[in-house]
Protein backbone atom coordinates (compact mmCIF):
# COMPACT_ATOMS: atom_id res chain seq x y z
CA UNK A 1 0.00 0.00 0.00
CA UNK A 2 1.45 3.35 -1.03
CA UNK A 3 1.27 6.02 1.66
CA UNK A 4 -0.94 8.81 0.31
CA UNK A 5 0.99 12.05 0.49
CA UNK A 6 1.96 14.92 -1.75
CA UNK A 7 5.54 13.63 -1.78
CA UNK A 8 4.38 10.25 -3.12
CA UNK A 9 2.01 11.66 -5.73
CA UNK A 10 4.39 11.18 -8.67
CA UNK A 11 4.92 7.54 -7.67
CA UNK A 12 1.17 6.99 -7.45
CA UNK A 13 0.63 8.51 -10.88
CA UNK A 14 3.47 6.47 -12.40
CA UNK A 15 2.11 3.23 -10.89
CA UNK A 16 -1.51 4.22 -11.64
CA UNK A 17 -2.48 3.82 -7.99
CA UNK A 18 -5.80 5.31 -6.94
CA UNK A 19 -5.57 5.91 -3.22
CA UNK A 20 -8.95 7.64 -2.97
CA UNK A 21 -10.37 4.61 -1.11
CA UNK A 22 -8.00 5.12 1.81
CA UNK A 23 -6.51 8.61 1.56
CA UNK A 24 -8.77 10.13 4.22
CA UNK A 25 -8.53 7.19 6.65
CA UNK A 26 -5.22 5.43 6.08
CA UNK A 27 -5.04 3.98 9.61
CA UNK A 28 -8.56 2.53 9.47
CA UNK A 29 -7.95 1.06 6.02
CA UNK A 30 -4.66 -0.53 7.06
CA UNK A 31 -6.33 -2.03 10.11
CA UNK A 32 -9.18 -3.37 7.97
CA UNK A 33 -6.82 -4.95 5.45
CA UNK A 34 -4.70 -6.39 8.25
CA UNK A 35 -7.75 -8.01 9.85
CA UNK A 36 -8.42 -9.81 6.56
CA UNK A 37 -4.89 -10.71 5.45
CA UNK A 38 -2.73 -10.57 8.61
CA UNK A 39 -0.11 -8.69 6.56
CA UNK A 40 0.13 -5.22 5.07
CA UNK A 41 3.11 -3.83 3.20
CA UNK A 42 3.29 -0.05 3.41
CA UNK A 43 5.62 1.77 1.06
CA UNK A 44 6.53 5.43 0.94
CA UNK A 45 9.42 6.02 -1.45
CA UNK A 46 9.44 9.80 -1.13
CA UNK A 47 7.93 10.57 2.27
CA UNK A 48 9.90 8.97 5.07
CA UNK A 49 8.57 11.36 7.72
CA UNK A 50 4.97 10.59 6.73
CA UNK A 51 5.70 6.87 6.79
CA UNK A 52 7.25 7.12 10.24
CA UNK A 53 4.27 9.08 11.57
CA UNK A 54 1.77 6.63 10.07
CA UNK A 55 3.58 3.53 11.32
CA UNK A 56 3.90 5.13 14.75
CA UNK A 57 0.12 5.55 14.89
CA UNK A 58 -0.37 1.93 13.88
CA UNK A 59 1.93 0.73 16.66
CA UNK A 60 -0.34 2.18 19.37
PDB file of N, CA and C in Angstrom:
ATOM      1  N   UNK A   1       0.842  -1.149   0.000  1.00  0.00           N
ATOM      2  CA  UNK A   1       0.000   0.000   0.000  1.00  0.00           C
ATOM      3  C   UNK A   1       0.899   1.227   0.000  1.00  0.00           C
ATOM      4  N   UNK A   2       0.649   2.137  -0.915  1.00  0.00           N
ATOM      5  CA  UNK A   2       1.447   3.353  -1.026  1.00  0.00           C
ATOM      6  C   UNK A   2       0.854   4.414  -0.109  1.00  0.00           C
ATOM      7  N   UNK A   3       1.699   4.967   0.745  1.00  0.00           N
ATOM      8  CA  UNK A   3       1.269   6.016   1.659  1.00  0.00           C
ATOM      9  C   UNK A   3       0.798   7.224   0.860  1.00  0.00           C
ATOM     10  N   UNK A   4      -0.446   7.648   1.056  1.00  0.00           N
ATOM     11  CA  UNK A   4      -0.945   8.806   0.308  1.00  0.00           C
ATOM     12  C   UNK A   4      -0.374  10.106   0.872  1.00  0.00           C
ATOM     13  N   UNK A   5       0.437  10.755   0.093  1.00  0.00           N
ATOM     14  CA  UNK A   5       0.993  12.049   0.490  1.00  0.00           C
ATOM     15  C   UNK A   5       1.400  12.801  -0.770  1.00  0.00           C
ATOM     16  N   UNK A   6       1.547  14.092  -0.617  1.00  0.00           N
ATOM     17  CA  UNK A   6       1.963  14.924  -1.752  1.00  0.00           C
ATOM     18  C   UNK A   6       3.323  14.471  -2.277  1.00  0.00           C
ATOM     19  N   UNK A   7       4.200  14.071  -1.372  1.00  0.00           N
ATOM     20  CA  UNK A   7       5.541  13.631  -1.780  1.00  0.00           C
ATOM     21  C   UNK A   7       5.506  12.340  -2.593  1.00  0.00           C
ATOM     22  N   UNK A   8       4.491  11.520  -2.397  1.00  0.00           N
ATOM     23  CA  UNK A   8       4.384  10.251  -3.120  1.00  0.00           C
ATOM     24  C   UNK A   8       3.468  10.325  -4.335  1.00  0.00           C
ATOM     25  N   UNK A   9       2.965  11.510  -4.639  1.00  0.00           N
ATOM     26  CA  UNK A   9       2.007  11.662  -5.730  1.00  0.00           C
ATOM     27  C   UNK A   9       2.575  11.224  -7.084  1.00  0.00           C
ATOM     28  N   UNK A  10       3.802  11.587  -7.393  1.00  0.00           N
ATOM     29  CA  UNK A  10       4.388  11.184  -8.674  1.00  0.00           C
ATOM     30  C   UNK A  10       4.494   9.661  -8.780  1.00  0.00           C
ATOM     31  N   UNK A  11       4.845   9.005  -7.669  1.00  0.00           N
ATOM     32  CA  UNK A  11       4.920   7.538  -7.668  1.00  0.00           C
ATOM     33  C   UNK A  11       3.546   6.940  -7.916  1.00  0.00           C
ATOM     34  N   UNK A  12       2.529   7.492  -7.268  1.00  0.00           N
ATOM     35  CA  UNK A  12       1.169   6.990  -7.445  1.00  0.00           C
ATOM     36  C   UNK A  12       0.716   7.147  -8.893  1.00  0.00           C
ATOM     37  N   UNK A  13       1.006   8.280  -9.484  1.00  0.00           N
ATOM     38  CA  UNK A  13       0.634   8.507 -10.881  1.00  0.00           C
ATOM     39  C   UNK A  13       1.380   7.549 -11.809  1.00  0.00           C
ATOM     40  N   UNK A  14       2.666   7.364 -11.569  1.00  0.00           N
ATOM     41  CA  UNK A  14       3.466   6.465 -12.402  1.00  0.00           C
ATOM     42  C   UNK A  14       2.942   5.027 -12.311  1.00  0.00           C
ATOM     43  N   UNK A  15       2.592   4.606 -11.106  1.00  0.00           N
ATOM     44  CA  UNK A  15       2.113   3.234 -10.888  1.00  0.00           C
ATOM     45  C   UNK A  15       0.609   3.083 -11.119  1.00  0.00           C
ATOM     46  N   UNK A  16      -0.054   4.196 -11.427  1.00  0.00           N
ATOM     47  CA  UNK A  16      -1.509   4.219 -11.644  1.00  0.00           C
ATOM     48  C   UNK A  16      -2.268   3.704 -10.422  1.00  0.00           C
ATOM     49  N   UNK A  17      -1.836   4.185  -9.252  1.00  0.00           N
ATOM     50  CA  UNK A  17      -2.480   3.822  -7.992  1.00  0.00           C
ATOM     51  C   UNK A  17      -3.505   4.879  -7.640  1.00  0.00           C
ATOM     52  N   UNK A  18      -4.717   4.434  -7.376  1.00  0.00           N
ATOM     53  CA  UNK A  18      -5.802   5.313  -6.941  1.00  0.00           C
ATOM     54  C   UNK A  18      -5.979   5.121  -5.444  1.00  0.00           C
ATOM     55  N   UNK A  19      -5.494   6.058  -4.672  1.00  0.00           N
ATOM     56  CA  UNK A  19      -5.572   5.909  -3.225  1.00  0.00           C
ATOM     57  C   UNK A  19      -6.795   6.606  -2.633  1.00  0.00           C
ATOM     58  N   UNK A  20      -7.748   6.944  -3.455  1.00  0.00           N
ATOM     59  CA  UNK A  20      -8.945   7.639  -2.968  1.00  0.00           C
ATOM     60  C   UNK A  20      -9.742   6.804  -1.966  1.00  0.00           C
ATOM     61  N   UNK A  21      -9.633   5.481  -2.034  1.00  0.00           N
ATOM     62  CA  UNK A  21     -10.372   4.615  -1.108  1.00  0.00           C
ATOM     63  C   UNK A  21      -9.826   4.690   0.313  1.00  0.00           C
ATOM     64  N   UNK A  22      -8.580   5.113   0.473  1.00  0.00           N
ATOM     65  CA  UNK A  22      -8.001   5.117   1.811  1.00  0.00           C
ATOM     66  C   UNK A  22      -7.271   6.402   2.186  1.00  0.00           C
ATOM     67  N   UNK A  23      -7.267   7.384   1.308  1.00  0.00           N
ATOM     68  CA  UNK A  23      -6.512   8.612   1.560  1.00  0.00           C
ATOM     69  C   UNK A  23      -6.971   9.325   2.835  1.00  0.00           C
ATOM     70  N   UNK A  24      -8.242   9.392   3.069  1.00  0.00           N
ATOM     71  CA  UNK A  24      -8.767  10.127   4.217  1.00  0.00           C
ATOM     72  C   UNK A  24      -8.694   9.343   5.524  1.00  0.00           C
ATOM     73  N   UNK A  25      -8.564   8.013   5.448  1.00  0.00           N
ATOM     74  CA  UNK A  25      -8.527   7.190   6.655  1.00  0.00           C
ATOM     75  C   UNK A  25      -7.519   6.054   6.482  1.00  0.00           C
ATOM     76  N   UNK A  26      -6.278   6.413   6.317  1.00  0.00           N
ATOM     77  CA  UNK A  26      -5.222   5.427   6.083  1.00  0.00           C
ATOM     78  C   UNK A  26      -5.141   4.411   7.221  1.00  0.00           C
ATOM     79  N   UNK A  27      -5.180   4.872   8.454  1.00  0.00           N
ATOM     80  CA  UNK A  27      -5.040   3.981   9.614  1.00  0.00           C
ATOM     81  C   UNK A  27      -6.180   2.971   9.644  1.00  0.00           C
ATOM     82  N   UNK A  28      -7.407   3.429   9.470  1.00  0.00           N
ATOM     83  CA  UNK A  28      -8.556   2.531   9.467  1.00  0.00           C
ATOM     84  C   UNK A  28      -8.475   1.516   8.338  1.00  0.00           C
ATOM     85  N   UNK A  29      -8.045   1.964   7.171  1.00  0.00           N
ATOM     86  CA  UNK A  29      -7.947   1.065   6.018  1.00  0.00           C
ATOM     87  C   UNK A  29      -6.868   0.012   6.241  1.00  0.00           C
ATOM     88  N   UNK A  30      -5.729   0.427   6.768  1.00  0.00           N
ATOM     89  CA  UNK A  30      -4.656  -0.532   7.057  1.00  0.00           C
ATOM     90  C   UNK A  30      -5.139  -1.559   8.071  1.00  0.00           C
ATOM     91  N   UNK A  31      -5.815  -1.106   9.106  1.00  0.00           N
ATOM     92  CA  UNK A  31      -6.332  -2.035  10.114  1.00  0.00           C
ATOM     93  C   UNK A  31      -7.351  -3.003   9.514  1.00  0.00           C
ATOM     94  N   UNK A  32      -8.197  -2.510   8.624  1.00  0.00           N
ATOM     95  CA  UNK A  32      -9.184  -3.371   7.968  1.00  0.00           C
ATOM     96  C   UNK A  32      -8.502  -4.427   7.101  1.00  0.00           C
ATOM     97  N   UNK A  33      -7.546  -4.013   6.303  1.00  0.00           N
ATOM     98  CA  UNK A  33      -6.816  -4.954   5.448  1.00  0.00           C
ATOM     99  C   UNK A  33      -6.057  -5.965   6.301  1.00  0.00           C
ATOM    100  N   UNK A  34      -5.446  -5.491   7.372  1.00  0.00           N
ATOM    101  CA  UNK A  34      -4.700  -6.394   8.254  1.00  0.00           C
ATOM    102  C   UNK A  34      -5.611  -7.436   8.892  1.00  0.00           C
ATOM    103  N   UNK A  35      -6.818  -7.046   9.242  1.00  0.00           N
ATOM    104  CA  UNK A  35      -7.750  -8.009   9.852  1.00  0.00           C
ATOM    105  C   UNK A  35      -8.149  -9.112   8.871  1.00  0.00           C
ATOM    106  N   UNK A  36      -8.070  -8.822   7.580  1.00  0.00           N
ATOM    107  CA  UNK A  36      -8.424  -9.806   6.555  1.00  0.00           C
ATOM    108  C   UNK A  36      -7.219 -10.659   6.164  1.00  0.00           C
ATOM    109  N   UNK A  37      -6.056 -10.027   6.023  1.00  0.00           N
ATOM    110  CA  UNK A  37      -4.893 -10.713   5.451  1.00  0.00           C
ATOM    111  C   UNK A  37      -3.790 -11.065   6.444  1.00  0.00           C
ATOM    112  N   UNK A  38      -3.790 -10.438   7.597  1.00  0.00           N
ATOM    113  CA  UNK A  38      -2.734 -10.570   8.608  1.00  0.00           C
ATOM    114  C   UNK A  38      -1.409  -9.958   8.183  1.00  0.00           C
ATOM    115  N   UNK A  39      -1.325  -9.362   7.023  1.00  0.00           N
ATOM    116  CA  UNK A  39      -0.113  -8.686   6.557  1.00  0.00           C
ATOM    117  C   UNK A  39      -0.486  -7.466   5.727  1.00  0.00           C
ATOM    118  N   UNK A  40       0.279  -6.413   5.907  1.00  0.00           N
ATOM    119  CA  UNK A  40       0.127  -5.220   5.074  1.00  0.00           C
ATOM    120  C   UNK A  40       1.527  -4.675   4.815  1.00  0.00           C
ATOM    121  N   UNK A  41       1.842  -4.447   3.568  1.00  0.00           N
ATOM    122  CA  UNK A  41       3.109  -3.834   3.203  1.00  0.00           C
ATOM    123  C   UNK A  41       2.840  -2.369   2.871  1.00  0.00           C
ATOM    124  N   UNK A  42       3.445  -1.484   3.631  1.00  0.00           N
ATOM    125  CA  UNK A  42       3.285  -0.052   3.405  1.00  0.00           C
ATOM    126  C   UNK A  42       4.580   0.464   2.800  1.00  0.00           C
ATOM    127  N   UNK A  43       4.447   1.192   1.703  1.00  0.00           N
ATOM    128  CA  UNK A  43       5.624   1.769   1.057  1.00  0.00           C
ATOM    129  C   UNK A  43       5.440   3.286   0.947  1.00  0.00           C
ATOM    130  N   UNK A  44       6.540   3.971   1.049  1.00  0.00           N
ATOM    131  CA  UNK A  44       6.530   5.426   0.944  1.00  0.00           C
ATOM    132  C   UNK A  44       7.887   5.875   0.417  1.00  0.00           C
ATOM    133  N   UNK A  45       8.091   5.767  -0.888  1.00  0.00           N
ATOM    134  CA  UNK A  45       9.416   6.017  -1.450  1.00  0.00           C
ATOM    135  C   UNK A  45       9.919   7.454  -1.326  1.00  0.00           C
ATOM    136  N   UNK A  46       9.028   8.392  -1.145  1.00  0.00           N
ATOM    137  CA  UNK A  46       9.442   9.800  -1.130  1.00  0.00           C
ATOM    138  C   UNK A  46       8.972  10.572   0.093  1.00  0.00           C
ATOM    139  N   UNK A  47       8.449   9.883   1.081  1.00  0.00           N
ATOM    140  CA  UNK A  47       7.934  10.572   2.270  1.00  0.00           C
ATOM    141  C   UNK A  47       8.234   9.738   3.514  1.00  0.00           C
ATOM    142  N   UNK A  48       9.486   9.781   3.932  1.00  0.00           N
ATOM    143  CA  UNK A  48       9.901   8.970   5.074  1.00  0.00           C
ATOM    144  C   UNK A  48       9.288   9.478   6.378  1.00  0.00           C
ATOM    145  N   UNK A  49       9.169  10.793   6.515  1.00  0.00           N
ATOM    146  CA  UNK A  49       8.567  11.364   7.722  1.00  0.00           C
ATOM    147  C   UNK A  49       7.104  10.934   7.831  1.00  0.00           C
ATOM    148  N   UNK A  50       6.374  11.008   6.731  1.00  0.00           N
ATOM    149  CA  UNK A  50       4.972  10.591   6.735  1.00  0.00           C
ATOM    150  C   UNK A  50       4.826   9.113   7.045  1.00  0.00           C
ATOM    151  N   UNK A  51       5.733   8.311   6.510  1.00  0.00           N
ATOM    152  CA  UNK A  51       5.696   6.871   6.787  1.00  0.00           C
ATOM    153  C   UNK A  51       5.955   6.614   8.261  1.00  0.00           C
ATOM    154  N   UNK A  52       6.931   7.291   8.823  1.00  0.00           N
ATOM    155  CA  UNK A  52       7.246   7.123  10.238  1.00  0.00           C
ATOM    156  C   UNK A  52       6.053   7.504  11.109  1.00  0.00           C
ATOM    157  N   UNK A  53       5.422   8.630  10.796  1.00  0.00           N
ATOM    158  CA  UNK A  53       4.267   9.080  11.572  1.00  0.00           C
ATOM    159  C   UNK A  53       3.106   8.092  11.464  1.00  0.00           C
ATOM    160  N   UNK A  54       2.859   7.580  10.276  1.00  0.00           N
ATOM    161  CA  UNK A  54       1.771   6.629  10.075  1.00  0.00           C
ATOM    162  C   UNK A  54       2.038   5.318  10.801  1.00  0.00           C
ATOM    163  N   UNK A  55       3.234   4.799  10.664  1.00  0.00           N
ATOM    164  CA  UNK A  55       3.577   3.532  11.321  1.00  0.00           C
ATOM    165  C   UNK A  55       3.561   3.702  12.834  1.00  0.00           C
ATOM    166  N   UNK A  56       3.960   4.871  13.315  1.00  0.00           N
ATOM    167  CA  UNK A  56       3.905   5.133  14.752  1.00  0.00           C
ATOM    168  C   UNK A  56       2.468   5.081  15.263  1.00  0.00           C
ATOM    169  N   UNK A  57       1.545   5.593  14.496  1.00  0.00           N
ATOM    170  CA  UNK A  57       0.124   5.553  14.887  1.00  0.00           C
ATOM    171  C   UNK A  57      -0.405   4.128  14.875  1.00  0.00           C
ATOM    172  N   UNK A  58       0.073   3.313  13.953  1.00  0.00           N
ATOM    173  CA  UNK A  58      -0.370   1.926  13.876  1.00  0.00           C
ATOM    174  C   UNK A  58       0.165   1.096  15.042  1.00  0.00           C
ATOM    175  N   UNK A  59       1.300   1.489  15.589  1.00  0.00           N
ATOM    176  CA  UNK A  59       1.929   0.727  16.663  1.00  0.00           C
ATOM    177  C   UNK A  59       1.225   0.918  18.007  1.00  0.00           C
ATOM    178  N   UNK A  60       0.344   1.888  18.097  1.00  0.00           N
ATOM    179  CA  UNK A  60      -0.342   2.176  19.369  1.00  0.00           C
ATOM    180  C   UNK A  60      -1.355   1.126  19.701  1.00  0.00           C
TER     181      UNK A  60
END
